[in-house]
Amino acid sequence: MYKYDDYDQKIVDERVAQFRDQTRRYLAGELKEDEYRPLRLQNGLYIQRYAPMLRVAVPYGLLNSKQIRKIAHIARVYDKGYAHVSTRQNFQFNWPELKNVPEILAELATVEMHAIQTSGNCIRNVTTDQFAGIAPDEVVDPRPLAEIIRQWSTFHPEFALLPRKFKFAVSGSTQDRAVVQMHDIGLEFYRNAGGELLIKVWVGGGLGRTPILGEVIEEALPWQHLLSYCEAILRVYNRWGRRDNAYKARIKILVKALGIAEFKRQVEADWAFHKDGPTTLTQAELDRVSKYFTAPAYAALADSDAGFEAKRSEEKAFANWVKRNVHAHKQPGYRAVTLSLKVTGIAPGDITDKQLDVVADLADTYSYGELRTTHEQNIVLSDVKLADLYPLWQDAKAAGLATPNIGLITDIICCPGGSFCDLANAKSIPIAEAIQRQFDDLDYQHDIGELELNISGCMNSCGHHHVGHIGVLGVDKNDSEFYQVTIGGKQGNDASLGDVIGPSFAADEVAGVVQRLIDVYVEHRTPEERFIDTARRLGVAPFKERVYADRQPGKKKVEA
């Protein structure tokens, strides 16, 4: 668990005091809207469709139980009794009053939290694998390196007003769970045959209006040059990135326009001037930051437990939960557990103040007080003993946090959409609920198997629909809400972008469309295939034919 040093705390406390005065001046009429807007954005405060929205940073998704209790308190006192986990591992409050935001930030500062650089044209929250530090396939723990990026990028004067927002993802495992290829800069740490720590650097990834997977700009960067090389990338982007058109301002557009070879040439020309300068990392600096990550006092355990195995054999419901929600751990006798925030009828990623308090208690009782948020909008307890899995399951189930659907069709990634966001073309949450109700039979979900379904309310793609096995995008069609459907997207080492299957659908058609896509998959799959495998093997054509068959003349519309 990362612990602030005195410098961290001083920066956050000073920012709170600064923003308190800025907000006071704005409410008193001393600052105009155009003057206040960049100030509030620097502190994670948006003005949404119905109310302000405050985005709270959760660097690399890492939290402790004290912080979760503070989130619960803020939700209860300053909001409408719930918070939302975003796809960048942050927390969001959808209903704070503007006058109370400085006080919320002050409360967050007491538990080493803030909202700095969670919005605006700057380097945003650095994300990584939710199993960082505990995954059996981990080559190097990426959290200290992610923290070094956070410290370097926070208030960096040269990159405080970039052409557009900028996002980093960091992975230290053989399997990419941080989706490095869809970020402005993706960093994949690995070791060569000689044991040297190197970085595969991806650049120019991003979703949104023009979805693009990143390209490799450097295959084997020595880790010591992490910051200096990223700084060179950002300088080229800051110099040539478009500022005249927000839709073409992301680094992905610049990389495509120049071509990766020319972009790399310019980066390395810039890098030559400061390659071995003050931003070159040393082992001493890495060790210094690493010391702020305290490891749990793990017990020496066997990697089996008779009581756990007996309960798994006796109770099907418990066995299903273990299969979907319990994950391998590099420490013998321990497992990681995902608490599902995907209950039918609740907006994906939403969690109540009471549930947050329960999560904090679960973390203290079963996971050394530590937990993580995920970009799939769930919460992970990172260090649970095998012997504790059954009582944890009982406690989580009582709180509505044990739905055994992780990685299944109802584990939907979904942005707030038109229910809150004034950028959205259409609502996302009702579509997610309709699909969840269509597939509410857990046995059926388990029979369908692994499937990622992502929903975005507009082309900004906050729901990552482009990389969903099935993606749903809200579009505006003659001032009505319609939905475009894609298949074939995927995150991970073999990431891909989905293909549009055809014309868009009305809201009441979407669940039925998804059902017909699943029907095609079930009819054509081989025993070992997941949905994505069958979709890649067959291509779009058979799915498209089934979905649009009811639109042919003389055919009756097929309802969900």
Protein backbone atom coordinates (compact mmCIF):
# COMPACT_ATOMS: atom_id res chain seq x y z
CA MET A 1 0.00 0.00 0.00
CA TYR A 2 1.48 3.37 -1.01
CA LYS A 3 1.87 5.89 1.80
CA TYR A 4 2.21 9.65 1.24
CA ASP A 5 5.41 11.35 2.24
CA ASP A 6 5.40 14.88 3.73
CA TYR A 7 5.87 16.44 0.30
CA ASP A 8 2.83 14.65 -1.12
CA GLN A 9 0.65 15.79 1.74
CA LYS A 10 1.86 19.39 1.55
CA ILE A 11 1.04 19.63 -2.17
CA VAL A 12 -2.47 18.26 -1.67
CA ASP A 13 -3.21 20.48 1.34
CA GLU A 14 -2.02 23.59 -0.51
CA ARG A 15 -4.15 22.71 -3.53
CA VAL A 16 -7.24 22.37 -1.32
CA ALA A 17 -6.68 25.81 0.19
CA GLN A 18 -6.09 27.31 -3.23
CA PHE A 19 -9.26 25.85 -4.72
CA ARG A 20 -11.33 26.83 -1.69
CA ASP A 21 -10.42 30.46 -2.31
CA GLN A 22 -10.99 30.17 -6.07
CA THR A 23 -14.48 28.74 -5.50
CA ARG A 24 -15.29 31.42 -2.93
CA ARG A 25 -14.31 34.12 -5.43
CA TYR A 26 -16.36 32.50 -8.20
CA LEU A 27 -19.50 32.21 -6.04
CA ALA A 28 -19.01 35.84 -4.96
CA GLY A 29 -18.89 36.95 -8.60
CA GLU A 30 -15.20 37.89 -8.49
CA LEU A 31 -14.25 35.27 -11.08
CA LYS A 32 -16.06 34.89 -14.39
CA GLU A 33 -17.19 31.50 -15.70
CA ASP A 34 -14.41 31.44 -18.31
CA GLU A 35 -11.86 32.16 -15.58
CA TYR A 36 -13.20 29.56 -13.17
CA ARG A 37 -13.67 26.74 -15.69
CA PRO A 38 -9.97 25.80 -16.10
CA LEU A 39 -9.48 26.07 -12.33
CA ARG A 40 -12.28 23.63 -11.53
CA LEU A 41 -11.19 21.23 -14.26
CA GLN A 42 -7.70 21.13 -12.72
CA ASN A 43 -9.43 19.85 -9.60
CA GLY A 44 -11.57 17.20 -11.26
CA LEU A 45 -14.82 19.16 -11.22
CA TYR A 46 -17.17 18.97 -14.23
CA ILE A 47 -20.56 20.56 -14.76
CA GLN A 48 -22.78 17.74 -16.04
CA ARG A 49 -26.35 17.65 -17.32
CA TYR A 50 -28.05 18.06 -13.95
CA ALA A 51 -25.33 18.81 -11.40
CA PRO A 52 -21.58 19.06 -10.90
CA MET A 53 -19.56 15.83 -11.06
CA LEU A 54 -16.38 15.38 -9.02
CA ARG A 55 -13.83 12.81 -10.18
CA VAL A 56 -11.52 11.55 -7.41
CA ALA A 57 -8.11 10.16 -8.38
CA VAL A 58 -7.24 6.59 -7.47
CA PRO A 59 -3.66 6.27 -8.77
CA TYR A 60 -3.15 2.79 -10.29
CA GLY A 61 -6.42 1.74 -8.60
CA LEU A 62 -4.92 1.23 -5.12
CA LEU A 63 -6.94 2.02 -1.96
CA ASN A 64 -7.13 1.19 1.71
CA SER A 65 -10.13 0.68 3.97
CA LYS A 66 -9.77 4.11 5.58
CA GLN A 67 -10.03 5.75 2.17
CA ILE A 68 -13.08 3.69 1.25
CA ARG A 69 -14.79 4.74 4.47
CA LYS A 70 -14.09 8.36 3.56
CA ILE A 71 -15.65 7.81 0.11
CA ALA A 72 -18.70 6.34 1.88
CA HIS A 73 -18.89 9.33 4.23
CA ILE A 74 -18.72 11.81 1.34
CA ALA A 75 -21.40 9.91 -0.59
CA ARG A 76 -23.65 9.99 2.47
CA VAL A 77 -23.09 13.60 3.55
CA TYR A 78 -22.41 15.48 0.32
CA ASP A 79 -24.03 13.35 -2.41
CA LYS A 80 -27.05 11.08 -2.89
CA GLY A 81 -25.73 8.09 -1.02
CA TYR A 82 -23.62 6.40 -3.67
CA ALA A 83 -20.40 6.69 -5.68
CA HIS A 84 -19.39 5.42 -9.10
CA VAL A 85 -16.26 3.49 -10.17
CA SER A 86 -15.05 4.78 -13.55
CA THR A 87 -13.17 2.98 -16.32
CA ARG A 88 -9.95 4.78 -15.30
CA GLN A 89 -10.16 3.22 -11.83
CA ASN A 90 -11.30 6.52 -10.29
CA PHE A 91 -14.32 7.29 -8.11
CA GLN A 92 -16.94 9.81 -9.20
CA PHE A 93 -19.62 11.71 -7.30
CA ASN A 94 -22.51 12.74 -9.53
CA TRP A 95 -24.44 15.14 -7.29
CA PRO A 96 -22.21 17.35 -5.12
CA GLU A 97 -23.17 20.99 -4.63
CA LEU A 98 -20.54 23.37 -5.96
CA LYS A 99 -20.23 25.21 -2.64
CA ASN A 100 -19.35 21.91 -0.91
CA VAL A 101 -16.64 20.72 -3.30
CA PRO A 102 -13.74 22.45 -1.48
CA GLU A 103 -14.88 20.78 1.74
CA ILE A 104 -15.04 17.38 -0.03
CA LEU A 105 -11.47 17.89 -1.26
CA ALA A 106 -10.38 18.81 2.26
CA GLU A 107 -11.95 15.62 3.60
CA LEU A 108 -10.20 13.57 0.91
CA ALA A 109 -6.85 15.14 1.82
CA THR A 110 -7.13 13.74 5.34
CA VAL A 111 -6.89 10.21 3.89
CA GLU A 112 -4.23 10.90 1.25
CA MET A 113 -6.65 11.39 -1.67
CA HIS A 114 -7.26 14.20 -4.15
CA ALA A 115 -8.82 15.07 -7.51
CA ILE A 116 -5.76 16.65 -9.12
CA GLN A 117 -5.42 16.16 -12.89
CA THR A 118 -8.49 13.94 -13.21
CA SER A 119 -9.70 16.28 -15.95
CA GLY A 120 -8.34 18.93 -18.29
CA ASN A 121 -5.73 18.77 -21.07
CA CYS A 122 -3.02 17.27 -18.91
CA ILE A 123 -1.60 13.88 -17.94
CA ARG A 124 -4.48 12.04 -16.29
CA ASN A 125 -4.59 9.29 -13.67
CA VAL A 126 -2.01 6.56 -14.37
CA THR A 127 -3.67 3.14 -14.53
CA THR A 128 -2.36 -0.41 -14.32
CA ASP A 129 -3.37 -4.02 -13.76
CA GLN A 130 -5.77 -4.48 -10.83
CA PHE A 131 -3.67 -7.52 -9.81
CA ALA A 132 -0.38 -5.61 -9.80
CA GLY A 133 1.94 -6.90 -7.10
CA ILE A 134 0.07 -10.19 -6.65
CA ALA A 135 -0.36 -11.73 -10.12
CA PRO A 136 1.47 -15.04 -10.70
CA ASP A 137 2.43 -13.96 -14.24
CA GLU A 138 3.99 -10.70 -13.05
CA VAL A 139 7.52 -9.94 -14.25
CA VAL A 140 7.90 -6.76 -12.24
CA ASP A 141 5.56 -4.91 -9.89
CA PRO A 142 4.54 -1.86 -11.98
CA ARG A 143 3.14 0.18 -9.10
CA PRO A 144 6.40 1.92 -8.03
CA LEU A 145 7.05 2.79 -11.68
CA ALA A 146 3.50 4.08 -12.06
CA GLU A 147 4.01 6.16 -8.92
CA ILE A 148 7.21 7.62 -10.37
CA ILE A 149 5.19 8.67 -13.45
CA ARG A 150 2.54 10.20 -11.16
CA GLN A 151 5.10 12.22 -9.22
CA TRP A 152 6.86 13.38 -12.40
CA SER A 153 3.64 14.34 -14.20
CA THR A 154 1.79 16.08 -11.35
CA PHE A 155 1.94 19.84 -11.94
CA HIS A 156 4.56 19.37 -14.66
CA PRO A 157 4.66 22.95 -16.02
CA GLU A 158 5.50 21.95 -19.57
CA PHE A 159 2.56 19.56 -19.89
CA ALA A 160 -0.16 21.42 -17.99
CA LEU A 161 -1.91 22.58 -21.17
CA LEU A 162 -1.49 19.89 -23.80
CA PRO A 163 -3.51 19.88 -27.03
CA ARG A 164 -5.82 17.31 -25.39
CA LYS A 165 -6.05 14.97 -22.40
CA PHE A 166 -3.26 12.38 -22.11
CA LYS A 167 -3.44 8.90 -20.61
CA PHE A 168 -0.79 6.40 -19.46
CA ALA A 169 -1.21 2.69 -18.76
CA VAL A 170 1.49 0.48 -17.26
CA SER A 171 1.77 -3.32 -17.30
CA GLY A 172 4.33 -5.57 -15.64
CA SER A 173 2.83 -8.99 -16.45
CA THR A 174 3.03 -11.40 -19.35
CA GLN A 175 -0.72 -10.94 -19.90
CA ASP A 176 -1.79 -7.35 -20.47
CA ARG A 177 -4.70 -6.49 -18.18
CA ALA A 178 -4.07 -2.72 -18.36
CA VAL A 179 -5.02 -2.38 -22.06
CA VAL A 180 -1.74 -0.64 -22.89
CA GLN A 181 -2.50 -0.58 -26.62
CA MET A 182 -5.48 1.78 -26.25
CA HIS A 183 -3.60 4.53 -24.41
CA ASP A 184 -1.70 7.63 -25.51
CA ILE A 185 1.37 5.96 -24.03
CA GLY A 186 1.34 2.30 -23.00
CA LEU A 187 4.31 0.87 -21.12
CA GLU A 188 4.92 -2.86 -21.07
CA PHE A 189 7.72 -3.85 -18.66
CA TYR A 190 9.56 -7.12 -19.26
CA ARG A 191 12.95 -8.77 -18.75
CA ASN A 192 15.24 -9.95 -21.51
CA ALA A 193 17.22 -13.20 -21.51
CA GLY A 194 19.91 -11.55 -19.42
CA GLY A 195 17.44 -10.42 -16.76
CA GLU A 196 17.59 -6.71 -17.65
CA LEU A 197 14.40 -4.74 -17.07
CA LEU A 198 13.23 -3.17 -20.34
CA ILE A 199 10.14 -1.36 -21.60
CA LYS A 200 8.12 -1.94 -24.75
CA VAL A 201 6.67 1.50 -25.46
CA TRP A 202 3.36 1.86 -27.28
CA VAL A 203 2.22 5.27 -28.52
CA GLY A 204 -0.82 6.74 -30.22
CA GLY A 205 -3.55 4.46 -28.94
CA GLY A 206 -7.01 5.72 -28.05
CA LEU A 207 -10.70 5.12 -28.60
CA GLY A 208 -13.19 7.93 -29.10
CA ARG A 209 -14.35 9.23 -32.46
CA THR A 210 -11.34 7.70 -34.25
CA PRO A 211 -10.44 4.42 -32.49
CA ILE A 212 -6.80 3.42 -33.01
CA LEU A 213 -4.65 0.81 -31.32
CA GLY A 214 -1.21 2.11 -30.42
CA GLU A 215 1.97 1.33 -32.32
CA VAL A 216 5.29 0.23 -30.87
CA ILE A 217 7.73 3.12 -30.95
CA GLU A 218 10.46 1.39 -28.91
CA GLU A 219 10.85 -2.35 -28.34
CA ALA A 220 13.54 -2.37 -25.66
CA LEU A 221 13.88 0.88 -23.73
CA PRO A 222 16.11 0.56 -20.62
CA TRP A 223 13.90 1.32 -17.60
CA GLN A 224 16.24 4.10 -16.47
CA HIS A 225 15.04 6.17 -19.45
CA LEU A 226 11.34 5.82 -18.64
CA LEU A 227 10.77 9.50 -17.90
CA SER A 228 13.21 11.02 -20.36
CA TYR A 229 11.76 9.05 -23.29
CA CYS A 230 8.14 9.79 -22.32
CA GLU A 231 9.10 13.44 -21.97
CA ALA A 232 10.44 13.42 -25.53
CA ILE A 233 7.17 11.90 -26.79
CA LEU A 234 5.17 14.55 -24.99
CA ARG A 235 7.36 17.36 -26.33
CA VAL A 236 6.82 16.27 -29.93
CA TYR A 237 3.09 16.00 -29.26
CA ASN A 238 2.96 19.38 -27.50
CA ARG A 239 4.81 20.95 -30.41
CA TRP A 240 2.77 19.51 -33.29
CA GLY A 241 -0.52 18.29 -31.82
CA ARG A 242 -3.52 20.14 -33.25
CA ARG A 243 -5.15 22.80 -31.11
CA ASP A 244 -7.59 24.05 -33.74
CA ASN A 245 -9.85 20.98 -33.69
CA ALA A 246 -10.66 19.08 -30.49
CA TYR A 247 -11.68 16.01 -32.51
CA LYS A 248 -8.20 15.79 -34.04
CA ALA A 249 -6.13 16.87 -31.05
CA ARG A 250 -5.18 13.50 -29.54
CA ILE A 251 -1.68 12.14 -30.07
CA LYS A 252 -3.10 9.21 -32.07
CA ILE A 253 -4.01 11.64 -34.89
CA LEU A 254 -0.50 13.10 -34.93
CA VAL A 255 1.14 9.66 -35.00
CA LYS A 256 -1.06 8.57 -37.90
CA ALA A 257 -0.46 11.83 -39.78
CA LEU A 258 3.33 11.67 -39.43
CA GLY A 259 3.66 7.89 -39.56
CA ILE A 260 5.34 5.95 -36.75
CA ALA A 261 8.78 6.12 -38.39
CA GLU A 262 8.79 9.93 -38.67
CA PHE A 263 7.22 10.34 -35.24
CA LYS A 264 9.95 8.12 -33.76
CA ARG A 265 12.65 10.11 -35.58
CA GLN A 266 11.41 13.35 -34.04
CA VAL A 267 11.10 11.79 -30.59
CA GLU A 268 14.63 10.45 -30.65
CA ALA A 269 16.02 13.75 -31.97
CA ASP A 270 14.46 15.48 -28.97
CA TRP A 271 15.48 12.68 -26.60
CA ALA A 272 19.15 13.02 -27.63
CA PHE A 273 19.30 16.40 -25.85
CA HIS A 274 18.24 15.10 -22.42
CA LYS A 275 18.61 11.32 -22.57
CA ASP A 276 21.14 11.26 -19.75
CA GLY A 277 19.86 14.32 -17.89
CA PRO A 278 18.23 14.77 -14.48
CA THR A 279 15.16 12.69 -15.38
CA THR A 280 17.28 9.57 -15.87
CA LEU A 281 16.18 7.14 -13.18
CA THR A 282 18.55 5.38 -10.81
CA GLN A 283 18.17 2.22 -8.79
CA ALA A 284 18.34 4.39 -5.67
CA GLU A 285 15.30 6.38 -6.82
CA LEU A 286 13.34 3.25 -7.67
CA ASP A 287 14.22 1.81 -4.27
CA ARG A 288 13.16 5.05 -2.56
CA VAL A 289 9.70 4.98 -4.13
CA SER A 290 9.32 1.23 -3.67
CA LYS A 291 9.77 1.64 0.10
CA TYR A 292 6.50 3.58 0.24
CA PHE A 293 4.62 0.45 -0.86
CA THR A 294 4.12 -1.60 2.27
CA ALA A 295 3.50 -5.33 1.75
CA PRO A 296 1.05 -7.28 3.92
CA ALA A 297 2.46 -9.55 6.59
CA TYR A 298 1.57 -12.74 4.74
CA ALA A 299 1.25 -15.95 6.74
CA ALA A 300 3.18 -19.03 5.63
CA LEU A 301 0.38 -21.18 4.19
CA ALA A 302 -0.05 -24.24 2.01
CA ASP A 303 -1.73 -23.58 -1.30
CA SER A 304 -4.68 -25.77 -0.41
CA ASP A 305 -7.31 -25.85 2.32
CA ALA A 306 -9.55 -28.80 3.14
CA GLY A 307 -12.37 -26.67 4.52
CA PHE A 308 -12.44 -24.51 1.40
CA GLU A 309 -12.49 -27.56 -0.88
CA ALA A 310 -15.30 -29.15 1.11
CA LYS A 311 -17.49 -26.05 0.87
CA ARG A 312 -16.79 -25.74 -2.85
CA SER A 313 -17.89 -29.34 -3.37
CA GLU A 314 -21.01 -28.99 -1.22
CA GLU A 315 -22.44 -25.68 -2.47
CA LYS A 316 -22.92 -24.98 -6.18
CA ALA A 317 -23.50 -21.25 -5.60
CA PHE A 318 -20.20 -20.93 -3.77
CA ALA A 319 -18.41 -22.97 -6.44
CA ASN A 320 -19.79 -20.71 -9.20
CA TRP A 321 -18.61 -17.64 -7.32
CA VAL A 322 -15.15 -19.12 -6.86
CA LYS A 323 -14.97 -19.96 -10.57
CA ARG A 324 -15.83 -16.43 -11.70
CA ASN A 325 -14.79 -14.06 -8.89
CA VAL A 326 -11.71 -15.65 -7.31
CA HIS A 327 -8.30 -15.24 -8.94
CA ALA A 328 -4.82 -16.74 -8.62
CA HIS A 329 -2.27 -15.14 -6.29
CA LYS A 330 1.52 -15.43 -6.32
CA GLN A 331 1.54 -15.97 -2.55
CA PRO A 332 0.71 -19.60 -1.60
CA GLY A 333 -2.53 -19.95 0.32
CA TYR A 334 -3.95 -16.61 -0.87
CA ARG A 335 -6.33 -15.49 -3.60
CA ALA A 336 -7.63 -12.19 -5.00
CA VAL A 337 -11.40 -11.67 -5.01
CA THR A 338 -13.50 -9.43 -7.26
CA LEU A 339 -16.57 -7.89 -5.65
CA SER A 340 -19.08 -7.47 -8.46
CA LEU A 341 -20.72 -4.06 -8.90
CA LYS A 342 -22.91 -5.48 -11.69
CA VAL A 343 -26.22 -6.36 -10.06
CA THR A 344 -29.22 -6.29 -12.40
CA GLY A 345 -31.18 -3.06 -11.93
CA ILE A 346 -28.19 -1.07 -10.64
CA ALA A 347 -26.04 1.11 -12.90
CA PRO A 348 -22.75 -0.73 -13.57
CA GLY A 349 -20.02 0.60 -11.29
CA ASP A 350 -22.38 2.22 -8.77
CA ILE A 351 -21.96 1.39 -5.09
CA THR A 352 -23.92 2.74 -2.12
CA ASP A 353 -22.47 4.35 0.99
CA LYS A 354 -23.59 1.34 3.06
CA GLN A 355 -21.91 -1.06 0.63
CA LEU A 356 -18.74 1.02 0.71
CA ASP A 357 -18.67 0.67 4.49
CA VAL A 358 -19.15 -3.08 4.10
CA VAL A 359 -16.30 -3.21 1.57
CA ALA A 360 -14.04 -1.43 4.06
CA ASP A 361 -15.00 -3.97 6.74
CA LEU A 362 -14.36 -6.86 4.34
CA ALA A 363 -10.96 -5.42 3.48
CA ASP A 364 -10.03 -5.09 7.16
CA THR A 365 -11.32 -8.56 8.04
CA TYR A 366 -10.07 -10.52 5.06
CA SER A 367 -7.53 -8.52 3.01
CA TYR A 368 -5.13 -6.62 5.28
CA GLY A 369 -7.16 -3.44 4.73
CA GLU A 370 -6.21 -3.21 1.04
CA LEU A 371 -8.34 -3.18 -2.11
CA ARG A 372 -8.27 -2.04 -5.73
CA THR A 373 -10.66 -0.58 -8.28
CA THR A 374 -10.70 -2.04 -11.80
CA HIS A 375 -11.25 -0.49 -15.21
CA GLU A 376 -14.09 -3.02 -15.56
CA GLN A 377 -15.79 -0.99 -12.78
CA ASN A 378 -15.54 -3.56 -9.99
CA ILE A 379 -13.58 -3.74 -6.72
CA VAL A 380 -10.88 -6.27 -5.83
CA LEU A 381 -9.84 -7.53 -2.39
CA SER A 382 -6.23 -8.37 -3.11
CA ASP A 383 -5.03 -10.71 -0.34
CA VAL A 384 -7.59 -13.22 0.92
CA LYS A 385 -6.64 -16.51 2.58
CA LEU A 386 -8.13 -19.67 1.04
CA ALA A 387 -9.66 -20.53 4.40
CA ASP A 388 -11.46 -17.16 4.48
CA LEU A 389 -13.11 -17.40 1.06
CA TYR A 390 -16.30 -19.05 2.29
CA PRO A 391 -17.06 -16.58 5.14
CA LEU A 392 -16.09 -13.71 2.83
CA TRP A 393 -18.54 -14.98 0.22
CA GLN A 394 -21.33 -15.13 2.82
CA ASP A 395 -20.64 -11.58 4.00
CA ALA A 396 -20.32 -10.21 0.46
CA LYS A 397 -23.51 -11.96 -0.64
CA ALA A 398 -25.44 -10.41 2.22
CA ALA A 399 -24.34 -6.97 0.98
CA GLY A 400 -25.21 -7.63 -2.68
CA LEU A 401 -21.54 -7.78 -3.70
CA ALA A 402 -21.16 -11.45 -4.65
CA THR A 403 -22.86 -11.80 -8.03
CA PRO A 404 -20.85 -14.60 -9.75
CA ASN A 405 -20.68 -12.87 -13.12
CA ILE A 406 -17.13 -11.56 -13.51
CA GLY A 407 -16.15 -11.88 -17.16
CA LEU A 408 -19.68 -12.89 -18.19
CA ILE A 409 -22.27 -11.08 -20.29
CA THR A 410 -23.83 -9.13 -17.39
CA ASP A 411 -20.44 -7.88 -16.15
CA ILE A 412 -21.04 -4.87 -18.39
CA ILE A 413 -18.70 -1.89 -18.69
CA CYS A 414 -20.95 1.14 -19.04
CA CYS A 415 -20.42 4.91 -18.92
CA PRO A 416 -23.06 7.10 -17.19
CA GLY A 417 -24.30 8.21 -20.63
CA GLY A 418 -27.22 10.58 -21.12
CA SER A 419 -28.52 9.95 -17.61
CA PHE A 420 -25.82 12.34 -16.39
CA CYS A 421 -23.35 13.43 -19.07
CA ASP A 422 -24.27 16.33 -21.32
CA LEU A 423 -21.83 15.10 -23.99
CA ALA A 424 -23.80 11.88 -24.47
CA ASN A 425 -25.98 11.21 -27.51
CA ALA A 426 -28.00 8.54 -25.73
CA LYS A 427 -28.56 6.86 -22.39
CA SER A 428 -26.32 3.91 -21.51
CA ILE A 429 -27.62 2.73 -18.15
CA PRO A 430 -31.14 1.65 -19.32
CA ILE A 431 -29.53 -0.33 -22.16
CA ALA A 432 -27.24 -2.10 -19.69
CA GLU A 433 -30.20 -2.94 -17.49
CA ALA A 434 -32.24 -4.30 -20.41
CA ILE A 435 -29.36 -6.58 -21.43
CA GLN A 436 -28.83 -7.71 -17.83
CA ARG A 437 -32.52 -8.60 -17.55
CA GLN A 438 -32.41 -10.46 -20.88
CA PHE A 439 -29.60 -12.67 -19.51
CA ASP A 440 -30.51 -12.71 -15.82
CA ASP A 441 -30.32 -16.51 -15.55
CA LEU A 442 -26.89 -17.23 -14.04
CA ASP A 443 -26.80 -20.80 -15.37
CA TYR A 444 -27.38 -19.42 -18.86
CA GLN A 445 -24.63 -16.84 -18.38
CA HIS A 446 -22.18 -19.53 -17.31
CA ASP A 447 -23.17 -21.64 -20.33
CA ILE A 448 -22.49 -18.70 -22.67
CA GLY A 449 -19.09 -18.30 -21.03
CA GLU A 450 -16.56 -15.51 -21.15
CA LEU A 451 -17.90 -12.43 -22.90
CA GLU A 452 -17.11 -8.73 -22.60
CA LEU A 453 -19.97 -6.35 -23.38
CA ASN A 454 -19.21 -2.62 -23.26
CA ILE A 455 -21.56 0.35 -23.68
CA SER A 456 -20.79 4.03 -24.43
CA GLY A 457 -23.31 6.84 -24.64
CA CYS A 458 -21.29 8.79 -27.22
CA MET A 459 -18.20 8.71 -29.42
CA ASN A 460 -15.95 9.71 -26.51
CA SER A 461 -16.02 5.98 -25.71
CA CYS A 462 -15.81 6.21 -21.93
CA GLY A 463 -17.45 2.74 -21.89
CA HIS A 464 -14.68 1.28 -24.11
CA HIS A 465 -17.23 -0.12 -26.55
CA HIS A 466 -14.63 -0.43 -29.33
CA VAL A 467 -12.75 -3.18 -27.43
CA GLY A 468 -15.79 -5.11 -26.20
CA HIS A 469 -16.47 -8.53 -27.68
CA ILE A 470 -19.85 -6.88 -28.20
CA GLY A 471 -19.87 -3.08 -28.18
CA VAL A 472 -22.88 -0.76 -28.02
CA LEU A 473 -22.60 2.92 -28.95
CA GLY A 474 -25.31 5.53 -28.44
CA VAL A 475 -25.86 7.72 -31.52
CA ASP A 476 -28.18 10.59 -32.36
CA LYS A 477 -30.54 9.80 -35.25
CA ASN A 478 -33.05 12.51 -36.13
CA ASP A 479 -33.01 13.75 -32.54
CA SER A 480 -33.77 10.24 -31.25
CA GLU A 481 -31.59 7.82 -29.30
CA PHE A 482 -30.30 4.92 -31.40
CA TYR A 483 -27.53 2.37 -30.85
CA GLN A 484 -24.79 1.07 -33.11
CA VAL A 485 -23.48 -2.44 -32.43
CA THR A 486 -19.98 -3.82 -33.01
CA ILE A 487 -18.49 -7.28 -32.55
CA GLY A 488 -14.93 -8.56 -32.44
CA GLY A 489 -13.29 -6.05 -30.12
CA LYS A 490 -10.91 -7.29 -27.47
CA GLN A 491 -8.49 -6.04 -24.83
CA GLY A 492 -5.27 -7.82 -23.86
CA ASN A 493 -2.15 -8.93 -25.72
CA ASP A 494 -4.10 -9.60 -28.91
CA ALA A 495 -6.23 -6.46 -28.69
CA SER A 496 -8.56 -5.59 -31.56
CA LEU A 497 -11.23 -3.05 -32.44
CA GLY A 498 -14.77 -4.21 -33.12
CA ASP A 499 -16.50 -4.06 -36.51
CA VAL A 500 -19.87 -2.36 -36.95
CA ILE A 501 -22.45 -4.98 -37.93
CA GLY A 502 -24.77 -2.55 -39.74
CA PRO A 503 -27.37 0.20 -39.23
CA SER A 504 -28.25 1.31 -35.72
CA PHE A 505 -31.16 0.11 -33.56
CA ALA A 506 -33.82 1.74 -31.39
CA ALA A 507 -33.38 1.40 -27.64
CA ASP A 508 -36.06 -1.28 -27.28
CA GLU A 509 -34.34 -3.45 -29.90
CA VAL A 510 -30.86 -3.65 -28.38
CA ALA A 511 -31.37 -6.50 -25.89
CA GLY A 512 -32.98 -8.59 -28.63
CA VAL A 513 -30.07 -7.82 -30.98
CA VAL A 514 -27.60 -9.03 -28.35
CA GLN A 515 -29.71 -12.17 -27.87
CA ARG A 516 -29.53 -12.98 -31.58
CA LEU A 517 -25.75 -12.44 -31.59
CA ILE A 518 -25.49 -14.92 -28.72
CA ASP A 519 -27.76 -17.37 -30.54
CA VAL A 520 -25.42 -17.38 -33.55
CA TYR A 521 -22.45 -17.94 -31.28
CA VAL A 522 -24.07 -20.83 -29.39
CA GLU A 523 -25.08 -22.52 -32.66
CA HIS A 524 -21.62 -22.27 -34.27
CA ARG A 525 -19.10 -22.45 -31.40
CA THR A 526 -16.74 -25.32 -30.88
CA PRO A 527 -16.36 -26.64 -27.31
CA GLU A 528 -13.25 -24.59 -26.52
CA GLU A 529 -14.34 -21.33 -28.14
CA ARG A 530 -15.34 -18.11 -26.41
CA PHE A 531 -17.59 -15.60 -28.16
CA ILE A 532 -14.59 -13.60 -29.40
CA ASP A 533 -13.00 -16.74 -30.88
CA THR A 534 -16.14 -17.67 -32.80
CA ALA A 535 -16.65 -14.09 -33.97
CA ARG A 536 -13.08 -13.93 -35.28
CA ARG A 537 -13.40 -17.30 -37.02
CA LEU A 538 -16.77 -16.62 -38.66
CA GLY A 539 -16.46 -12.89 -39.31
CA VAL A 540 -19.34 -10.43 -39.17
CA ALA A 541 -21.52 -11.91 -41.96
CA PRO A 542 -23.49 -14.66 -40.12
CA PHE A 543 -24.13 -12.41 -37.12
CA LYS A 544 -25.29 -9.59 -39.36
CA GLU A 545 -27.56 -11.89 -41.36
CA ARG A 546 -29.32 -13.14 -38.21
CA VAL A 547 -29.67 -9.71 -36.61
CA TYR A 548 -31.18 -8.02 -39.66
CA ALA A 549 -33.30 -10.95 -40.88
CA ASP A 550 -36.38 -9.49 -39.20
CA ARG A 551 -35.93 -6.22 -41.13
CA GLN A 552 -36.49 -7.87 -44.52
CA PRO A 553 -39.85 -7.12 -46.25
CA GLY A 554 -42.60 -9.37 -45.03
CA LYS A 555 -40.70 -10.42 -41.90
CA LYS A 556 -42.17 -9.78 -38.49
CA LYS A 557 -39.96 -7.81 -36.10
CA VAL A 558 -38.27 -10.07 -33.53
CA GLU A 559 -38.55 -8.66 -30.04
CA ALA A 560 -36.20 -9.19 -27.13
